[in-house]
Amino acid sequence: MTRNAKRGKSMQIMVYVRAKTKEVIVRAANASGQRVSNYMKQKVLEAIAKEQGRSVEDIIPKSEFEELQRSRGRKAQD
């Protein structure tokens, strides 16, 4: 773990996108049944893994990967 990545601490990322870009992201998240934040976390991790020639399961701990998988269906339950 890096010096600034403290376990259990939240991280806030501000993303300013144009209206059409936001619409595309929101529609994609909704189509997958996920909250936008969970959808974006998943897609970022997938992109990082692909860039490194690895899988998401290889770049984050198993427990975090399992939590990410569980969070995929939470929007429908909320």
PDB file of N, CA and C in Angstrom:
ATOM      1  N   MET A   1       0.849  -1.173   0.000  1.00  0.00           N
ATOM      2  CA  MET A   1       0.000   0.000   0.000  1.00  0.00           C
ATOM      3  C   MET A   1       0.895   1.236   0.000  1.00  0.00           C
ATOM      4  N   THR A   2       0.536   2.229  -0.771  1.00  0.00           N
ATOM      5  CA  THR A   2       1.356   3.429  -0.847  1.00  0.00           C
ATOM      6  C   THR A   2       1.210   4.256   0.422  1.00  0.00           C
ATOM      7  N   ARG A   3       2.098   5.170   0.582  1.00  0.00           N
ATOM      8  CA  ARG A   3       2.141   6.008   1.781  1.00  0.00           C
ATOM      9  C   ARG A   3       0.829   6.756   2.017  1.00  0.00           C
ATOM     10  N   ASN A   4       0.186   7.250   0.966  1.00  0.00           N
ATOM     11  CA  ASN A   4      -1.023   8.052   1.117  1.00  0.00           C
ATOM     12  C   ASN A   4      -2.316   7.243   1.062  1.00  0.00           C
ATOM     13  N   ALA A   5      -2.233   5.958   0.761  1.00  0.00           N
ATOM     14  CA  ALA A   5      -3.435   5.116   0.650  1.00  0.00           C
ATOM     15  C   ALA A   5      -3.679   4.425   1.985  1.00  0.00           C
ATOM     16  N   LYS A   6      -4.481   5.046   2.826  1.00  0.00           N
ATOM     17  CA  LYS A   6      -4.763   4.479   4.139  1.00  0.00           C
ATOM     18  C   LYS A   6      -6.035   3.654   4.078  1.00  0.00           C
ATOM     19  N   ARG A   7      -5.956   2.451   4.606  1.00  0.00           N
ATOM     20  CA  ARG A   7      -7.080   1.525   4.585  1.00  0.00           C
ATOM     21  C   ARG A   7      -8.294   2.117   5.305  1.00  0.00           C
ATOM     22  N   GLY A   8      -9.446   1.992   4.673  1.00  0.00           N
ATOM     23  CA  GLY A   8     -10.687   2.444   5.279  1.00  0.00           C
ATOM     24  C   GLY A   8     -10.977   3.927   5.136  1.00  0.00           C
ATOM     25  N   LYS A   9     -10.061   4.662   4.560  1.00  0.00           N
ATOM     26  CA  LYS A   9     -10.272   6.094   4.361  1.00  0.00           C
ATOM     27  C   LYS A   9     -10.991   6.314   3.038  1.00  0.00           C
ATOM     28  N   SER A  10     -11.903   7.253   3.035  1.00  0.00           N
ATOM     29  CA  SER A  10     -12.622   7.518   1.789  1.00  0.00           C
ATOM     30  C   SER A  10     -11.778   8.400   0.884  1.00  0.00           C
ATOM     31  N   MET A  11     -12.144   8.386  -0.379  1.00  0.00           N
ATOM     32  CA  MET A  11     -11.459   9.195  -1.367  1.00  0.00           C
ATOM     33  C   MET A  11     -12.535   9.880  -2.199  1.00  0.00           C
ATOM     34  N   GLN A  12     -12.417  11.157  -2.348  1.00  0.00           N
ATOM     35  CA  GLN A  12     -13.384  11.891  -3.148  1.00  0.00           C
ATOM     36  C   GLN A  12     -12.704  12.360  -4.416  1.00  0.00           C
ATOM     37  N   ILE A  13     -13.352  12.078  -5.521  1.00  0.00           N
ATOM     38  CA  ILE A  13     -12.827  12.505  -6.817  1.00  0.00           C
ATOM     39  C   ILE A  13     -13.893  13.360  -7.484  1.00  0.00           C
ATOM     40  N   MET A  14     -13.520  14.542  -7.854  1.00  0.00           N
ATOM     41  CA  MET A  14     -14.445  15.431  -8.540  1.00  0.00           C
ATOM     42  C   MET A  14     -14.203  15.284 -10.038  1.00  0.00           C
ATOM     43  N   VAL A  15     -15.270  15.020 -10.769  1.00  0.00           N
ATOM     44  CA  VAL A  15     -15.171  14.859 -12.205  1.00  0.00           C
ATOM     45  C   VAL A  15     -16.156  15.831 -12.848  1.00  0.00           C
ATOM     46  N   TYR A  16     -15.641  16.698 -13.670  1.00  0.00           N
ATOM     47  CA  TYR A  16     -16.485  17.670 -14.348  1.00  0.00           C
ATOM     48  C   TYR A  16     -16.552  17.287 -15.820  1.00  0.00           C
ATOM     49  N   VAL A  17     -17.698  16.787 -16.227  1.00  0.00           N
ATOM     50  CA  VAL A  17     -17.871  16.364 -17.611  1.00  0.00           C
ATOM     51  C   VAL A  17     -18.982  17.167 -18.266  1.00  0.00           C
ATOM     52  N   ARG A  18     -18.939  17.220 -19.534  1.00  0.00           N
ATOM     53  CA  ARG A  18     -20.000  17.910 -20.283  1.00  0.00           C
ATOM     54  C   ARG A  18     -21.281  17.087 -20.221  1.00  0.00           C
ATOM     55  N   ALA A  19     -22.376  17.727 -20.512  1.00  0.00           N
ATOM     56  CA  ALA A  19     -23.698  17.117 -20.353  1.00  0.00           C
ATOM     57  C   ALA A  19     -23.846  15.803 -21.115  1.00  0.00           C
ATOM     58  N   LYS A  20     -23.423  15.766 -22.358  1.00  0.00           N
ATOM     59  CA  LYS A  20     -23.575  14.538 -23.157  1.00  0.00           C
ATOM     60  C   LYS A  20     -22.702  13.416 -22.613  1.00  0.00           C
ATOM     61  N   THR A  21     -21.498  13.751 -22.171  1.00  0.00           N
ATOM     62  CA  THR A  21     -20.614  12.741 -21.590  1.00  0.00           C
ATOM     63  C   THR A  21     -21.231  12.168 -20.327  1.00  0.00           C
ATOM     64  N   LYS A  22     -21.761  13.044 -19.495  1.00  0.00           N
ATOM     65  CA  LYS A  22     -22.426  12.598 -18.264  1.00  0.00           C
ATOM     66  C   LYS A  22     -23.604  11.691 -18.602  1.00  0.00           C
ATOM     67  N   GLU A  23     -24.365  12.067 -19.593  1.00  0.00           N
ATOM     68  CA  GLU A  23     -25.521  11.271 -20.009  1.00  0.00           C
ATOM     69  C   GLU A  23     -25.100   9.861 -20.427  1.00  0.00           C
ATOM     70  N   VAL A  24     -24.023   9.761 -21.187  1.00  0.00           N
ATOM     71  CA  VAL A  24     -23.530   8.456 -21.641  1.00  0.00           C
ATOM     72  C   VAL A  24     -23.119   7.601 -20.442  1.00  0.00           C
ATOM     73  N   ILE A  25     -22.406   8.202 -19.501  1.00  0.00           N
ATOM     74  CA  ILE A  25     -21.949   7.464 -18.319  1.00  0.00           C
ATOM     75  C   ILE A  25     -23.128   7.010 -17.466  1.00  0.00           C
ATOM     76  N   VAL A  26     -24.068   7.900 -17.228  1.00  0.00           N
ATOM     77  CA  VAL A  26     -25.235   7.563 -16.406  1.00  0.00           C
ATOM     78  C   VAL A  26     -26.073   6.470 -17.066  1.00  0.00           C
ATOM     79  N   ARG A  27     -26.271   6.579 -18.365  1.00  0.00           N
ATOM     80  CA  ARG A  27     -27.042   5.540 -19.082  1.00  0.00           C
ATOM     81  C   ARG A  27     -26.353   4.181 -19.004  1.00  0.00           C
ATOM     82  N   ALA A  28     -25.044   4.170 -19.174  1.00  0.00           N
ATOM     83  CA  ALA A  28     -24.301   2.911 -19.108  1.00  0.00           C
ATOM     84  C   ALA A  28     -24.388   2.297 -17.711  1.00  0.00           C
ATOM     85  N   ALA A  29     -24.251   3.121 -16.682  1.00  0.00           N
ATOM     86  CA  ALA A  29     -24.358   2.630 -15.302  1.00  0.00           C
ATOM     87  C   ALA A  29     -25.752   2.086 -15.044  1.00  0.00           C
ATOM     88  N   ASN A  30     -26.759   2.820 -15.471  1.00  0.00           N
ATOM     89  CA  ASN A  30     -28.143   2.365 -15.289  1.00  0.00           C
ATOM     90  C   ASN A  30     -28.409   1.062 -16.032  1.00  0.00           C
ATOM     91  N   ALA A  31     -27.887   0.954 -17.236  1.00  0.00           N
ATOM     92  CA  ALA A  31     -28.092  -0.265 -18.029  1.00  0.00           C
ATOM     93  C   ALA A  31     -27.451  -1.479 -17.367  1.00  0.00           C
ATOM     94  N   SER A  32     -26.378  -1.239 -16.624  1.00  0.00           N
ATOM     95  CA  SER A  32     -25.704  -2.345 -15.942  1.00  0.00           C
ATOM     96  C   SER A  32     -26.268  -2.580 -14.541  1.00  0.00           C
ATOM     97  N   GLY A  33     -27.214  -1.729 -14.126  1.00  0.00           N
ATOM     98  CA  GLY A  33     -27.836  -1.893 -12.809  1.00  0.00           C
ATOM     99  C   GLY A  33     -26.957  -1.452 -11.659  1.00  0.00           C
ATOM    100  N   GLN A  34     -25.997  -0.573 -11.932  1.00  0.00           N
ATOM    101  CA  GLN A  34     -25.076  -0.118 -10.898  1.00  0.00           C
ATOM    102  C   GLN A  34     -25.219   1.372 -10.644  1.00  0.00           C
ATOM    103  N   ARG A  35     -24.782   1.785  -9.461  1.00  0.00           N
ATOM    104  CA  ARG A  35     -24.649   3.211  -9.183  1.00  0.00           C
ATOM    105  C   ARG A  35     -23.496   3.730 -10.041  1.00  0.00           C
ATOM    106  N   VAL A  36     -23.559   5.008 -10.363  1.00  0.00           N
ATOM    107  CA  VAL A  36     -22.522   5.602 -11.209  1.00  0.00           C
ATOM    108  C   VAL A  36     -21.146   5.436 -10.564  1.00  0.00           C
ATOM    109  N   SER A  37     -21.020   5.669  -9.260  1.00  0.00           N
ATOM    110  CA  SER A  37     -19.712   5.562  -8.611  1.00  0.00           C
ATOM    111  C   SER A  37     -19.158   4.143  -8.692  1.00  0.00           C
ATOM    112  N   ASN A  38     -19.990   3.142  -8.456  1.00  0.00           N
ATOM    113  CA  ASN A  38     -19.533   1.750  -8.553  1.00  0.00           C
ATOM    114  C   ASN A  38     -19.165   1.391  -9.983  1.00  0.00           C
ATOM    115  N   TYR A  39     -19.965   1.852 -10.926  1.00  0.00           N
ATOM    116  CA  TYR A  39     -19.696   1.596 -12.338  1.00  0.00           C
ATOM    117  C   TYR A  39     -18.342   2.185 -12.740  1.00  0.00           C
ATOM    118  N   MET A  40     -18.103   3.420 -12.334  1.00  0.00           N
ATOM    119  CA  MET A  40     -16.853   4.075 -12.693  1.00  0.00           C
ATOM    120  C   MET A  40     -15.655   3.398 -12.026  1.00  0.00           C
ATOM    121  N   LYS A  41     -15.786   2.993 -10.762  1.00  0.00           N
ATOM    122  CA  LYS A  41     -14.693   2.266 -10.101  1.00  0.00           C
ATOM    123  C   LYS A  41     -14.360   0.994 -10.869  1.00  0.00           C
ATOM    124  N   GLN A  42     -15.391   0.266 -11.233  1.00  0.00           N
ATOM    125  CA  GLN A  42     -15.191  -0.991 -11.960  1.00  0.00           C
ATOM    126  C   GLN A  42     -14.492  -0.739 -13.286  1.00  0.00           C
ATOM    127  N   LYS A  43     -14.960   0.241 -14.036  1.00  0.00           N
ATOM    128  CA  LYS A  43     -14.389   0.503 -15.358  1.00  0.00           C
ATOM    129  C   LYS A  43     -12.954   1.018 -15.274  1.00  0.00           C
ATOM    130  N   VAL A  44     -12.648   1.818 -14.271  1.00  0.00           N
ATOM    131  CA  VAL A  44     -11.279   2.301 -14.092  1.00  0.00           C
ATOM    132  C   VAL A  44     -10.354   1.129 -13.769  1.00  0.00           C
ATOM    133  N   LEU A  45     -10.786   0.261 -12.849  1.00  0.00           N
ATOM    134  CA  LEU A  45      -9.966  -0.899 -12.506  1.00  0.00           C
ATOM    135  C   LEU A  45      -9.768  -1.820 -13.706  1.00  0.00           C
ATOM    136  N   GLU A  46     -10.815  -2.000 -14.509  1.00  0.00           N
ATOM    137  CA  GLU A  46     -10.687  -2.822 -15.713  1.00  0.00           C
ATOM    138  C   GLU A  46      -9.686  -2.206 -16.688  1.00  0.00           C
ATOM    139  N   ALA A  47      -9.727  -0.891 -16.840  1.00  0.00           N
ATOM    140  CA  ALA A  47      -8.797  -0.211 -17.755  1.00  0.00           C
ATOM    141  C   ALA A  47      -7.360  -0.320 -17.252  1.00  0.00           C
ATOM    142  N   ILE A  48      -7.152  -0.155 -15.949  1.00  0.00           N
ATOM    143  CA  ILE A  48      -5.809  -0.271 -15.380  1.00  0.00           C
ATOM    144  C   ILE A  48      -5.280  -1.691 -15.578  1.00  0.00           C
ATOM    145  N   ALA A  49      -6.114  -2.668 -15.272  1.00  0.00           N
ATOM    146  CA  ALA A  49      -5.699  -4.064 -15.422  1.00  0.00           C
ATOM    147  C   ALA A  49      -5.339  -4.370 -16.876  1.00  0.00           C
ATOM    148  N   LYS A  50      -6.174  -3.916 -17.794  1.00  0.00           N
ATOM    149  CA  LYS A  50      -5.916  -4.162 -19.221  1.00  0.00           C
ATOM    150  C   LYS A  50      -4.605  -3.510 -19.646  1.00  0.00           C
ATOM    151  N   GLU A  51      -4.385  -2.291 -19.196  1.00  0.00           N
ATOM    152  CA  GLU A  51      -3.157  -1.566 -19.530  1.00  0.00           C
ATOM    153  C   GLU A  51      -1.921  -2.315 -19.033  1.00  0.00           C
ATOM    154  N   GLN A  52      -2.067  -2.994 -17.894  1.00  0.00           N
ATOM    155  CA  GLN A  52      -0.955  -3.741 -17.307  1.00  0.00           C
ATOM    156  C   GLN A  52      -0.895  -5.189 -17.792  1.00  0.00           C
ATOM    157  N   GLY A  53      -1.846  -5.581 -18.644  1.00  0.00           N
ATOM    158  CA  GLY A  53      -1.882  -6.953 -19.139  1.00  0.00           C
ATOM    159  C   GLY A  53      -2.257  -7.949 -18.065  1.00  0.00           C
ATOM    160  N   ARG A  54      -3.082  -7.498 -17.122  1.00  0.00           N
ATOM    161  CA  ARG A  54      -3.494  -8.341 -15.995  1.00  0.00           C
ATOM    162  C   ARG A  54      -5.014  -8.307 -15.889  1.00  0.00           C
ATOM    163  N   SER A  55      -5.545  -8.968 -14.870  1.00  0.00           N
ATOM    164  CA  SER A  55      -6.985  -8.921 -14.612  1.00  0.00           C
ATOM    165  C   SER A  55      -7.219  -8.108 -13.340  1.00  0.00           C
ATOM    166  N   VAL A  56      -8.456  -7.666 -13.150  1.00  0.00           N
ATOM    167  CA  VAL A  56      -8.787  -6.892 -11.953  1.00  0.00           C
ATOM    168  C   VAL A  56      -8.462  -7.705 -10.700  1.00  0.00           C
ATOM    169  N   GLU A  57      -8.747  -8.996 -10.740  1.00  0.00           N
ATOM    170  CA  GLU A  57      -8.474  -9.863  -9.596  1.00  0.00           C
ATOM    171  C   GLU A  57      -6.992  -9.877  -9.236  1.00  0.00           C
ATOM    172  N   ASP A  58      -6.132  -9.601 -10.214  1.00  0.00           N
ATOM    173  CA  ASP A  58      -4.682  -9.595  -9.983  1.00  0.00           C
ATOM    174  C   ASP A  58      -4.170  -8.296  -9.379  1.00  0.00           C
ATOM    175  N   ILE A  59      -4.922  -7.207  -9.533  1.00  0.00           N
ATOM    176  CA  ILE A  59      -4.382  -5.910  -9.097  1.00  0.00           C
ATOM    177  C   ILE A  59      -4.960  -5.413  -7.775  1.00  0.00           C
ATOM    178  N   ILE A  60      -6.053  -6.010  -7.308  1.00  0.00           N
ATOM    179  CA  ILE A  60      -6.599  -5.632  -6.005  1.00  0.00           C
ATOM    180  C   ILE A  60      -6.781  -6.889  -5.159  1.00  0.00           C
ATOM    181  N   PRO A  61      -6.811  -6.736  -3.828  1.00  0.00           N
ATOM    182  CA  PRO A  61      -6.992  -7.904  -2.966  1.00  0.00           C
ATOM    183  C   PRO A  61      -8.309  -8.630  -3.250  1.00  0.00           C
ATOM    184  N   LYS A  62      -8.303  -9.932  -3.006  1.00  0.00           N
ATOM    185  CA  LYS A  62      -9.475 -10.758  -3.272  1.00  0.00           C
ATOM    186  C   LYS A  62     -10.718 -10.211  -2.563  1.00  0.00           C
ATOM    187  N   SER A  63     -10.577  -9.777  -1.316  1.00  0.00           N
ATOM    188  CA  SER A  63     -11.726  -9.262  -0.566  1.00  0.00           C
ATOM    189  C   SER A  63     -12.317  -8.021  -1.223  1.00  0.00           C
ATOM    190  N   GLU A  64     -11.460  -7.145  -1.750  1.00  0.00           N
ATOM    191  CA  GLU A  64     -11.952  -5.942  -2.425  1.00  0.00           C
ATOM    192  C   GLU A  64     -12.612  -6.305  -3.755  1.00  0.00           C
ATOM    193  N   PHE A  65     -12.049  -7.271  -4.457  1.00  0.00           N
ATOM    194  CA  PHE A  65     -12.651  -7.713  -5.714  1.00  0.00           C
ATOM    195  C   PHE A  65     -14.039  -8.295  -5.454  1.00  0.00           C
ATOM    196  N   GLU A  66     -14.167  -9.106  -4.403  1.00  0.00           N
ATOM    197  CA  GLU A  66     -15.465  -9.698  -4.067  1.00  0.00           C
ATOM    198  C   GLU A  66     -16.481  -8.627  -3.699  1.00  0.00           C
ATOM    199  N   GLU A  67     -16.052  -7.599  -2.969  1.00  0.00           N
ATOM    200  CA  GLU A  67     -16.945  -6.489  -2.620  1.00  0.00           C
ATOM    201  C   GLU A  67     -17.388  -5.737  -3.872  1.00  0.00           C
ATOM    202  N   LEU A  68     -16.470  -5.535  -4.791  1.00  0.00           N
ATOM    203  CA  LEU A  68     -16.797  -4.870  -6.058  1.00  0.00           C
ATOM    204  C   LEU A  68     -17.845  -5.679  -6.819  1.00  0.00           C
ATOM    205  N   GLN A  69     -17.683  -6.994  -6.842  1.00  0.00           N
ATOM    206  CA  GLN A  69     -18.643  -7.868  -7.511  1.00  0.00           C
ATOM    207  C   GLN A  69     -20.013  -7.794  -6.823  1.00  0.00           C
ATOM    208  N   ARG A  70     -20.034  -7.780  -5.506  1.00  0.00           N
ATOM    209  CA  ARG A  70     -21.312  -7.697  -4.774  1.00  0.00           C
ATOM    210  C   ARG A  70     -22.010  -6.379  -5.005  1.00  0.00           C
ATOM    211  N   SER A  71     -21.228  -5.304  -5.131  1.00  0.00           N
ATOM    212  CA  SER A  71     -21.826  -3.975  -5.294  1.00  0.00           C
ATOM    213  C   SER A  71     -22.475  -3.794  -6.662  1.00  0.00           C
ATOM    214  N   ARG A  72     -22.185  -4.680  -7.589  1.00  0.00           N
ATOM    215  CA  ARG A  72     -22.755  -4.564  -8.948  1.00  0.00           C
ATOM    216  C   ARG A  72     -24.273  -4.661  -8.939  1.00  0.00           C
ATOM    217  N   GLY A  73     -24.854  -5.403  -8.002  1.00  0.00           N
ATOM    218  CA  GLY A  73     -26.299  -5.571  -8.000  1.00  0.00           C
ATOM    219  C   GLY A  73     -27.035  -4.758  -6.962  1.00  0.00           C
ATOM    220  N   ARG A  74     -26.337  -3.903  -6.248  1.00  0.00           N
ATOM    221  CA  ARG A  74     -26.977  -3.177  -5.147  1.00  0.00           C
ATOM    222  C   ARG A  74     -27.987  -2.137  -5.584  1.00  0.00           C
ATOM    223  N   LYS A  75     -27.803  -1.512  -6.722  1.00  0.00           N
ATOM    224  CA  LYS A  75     -28.722  -0.465  -7.134  1.00  0.00           C
ATOM    225  C   LYS A  75     -30.136  -1.008  -7.284  1.00  0.00           C
ATOM    226  N   ALA A  76     -30.241  -2.183  -7.831  1.00  0.00           N
ATOM    227  CA  ALA A  76     -31.567  -2.792  -8.024  1.00  0.00           C
ATOM    228  C   ALA A  76     -32.235  -3.098  -6.696  1.00  0.00           C
ATOM    229  N   GLN A  77     -31.436  -3.339  -5.652  1.00  0.00           N
ATOM    230  CA  GLN A  77     -31.993  -3.670  -4.341  1.00  0.00           C
ATOM    231  C   GLN A  77     -32.357  -2.426  -3.541  1.00  0.00           C
ATOM    232  N   ASP A  78     -31.731  -1.273  -3.845  1.00  0.00           N
ATOM    233  CA  ASP A  78     -31.965  -0.028  -3.075  1.00  0.00           C
ATOM    234  C   ASP A  78     -33.363   0.495  -3.247  1.00  0.00           C
TER     235      ASP A  78
END
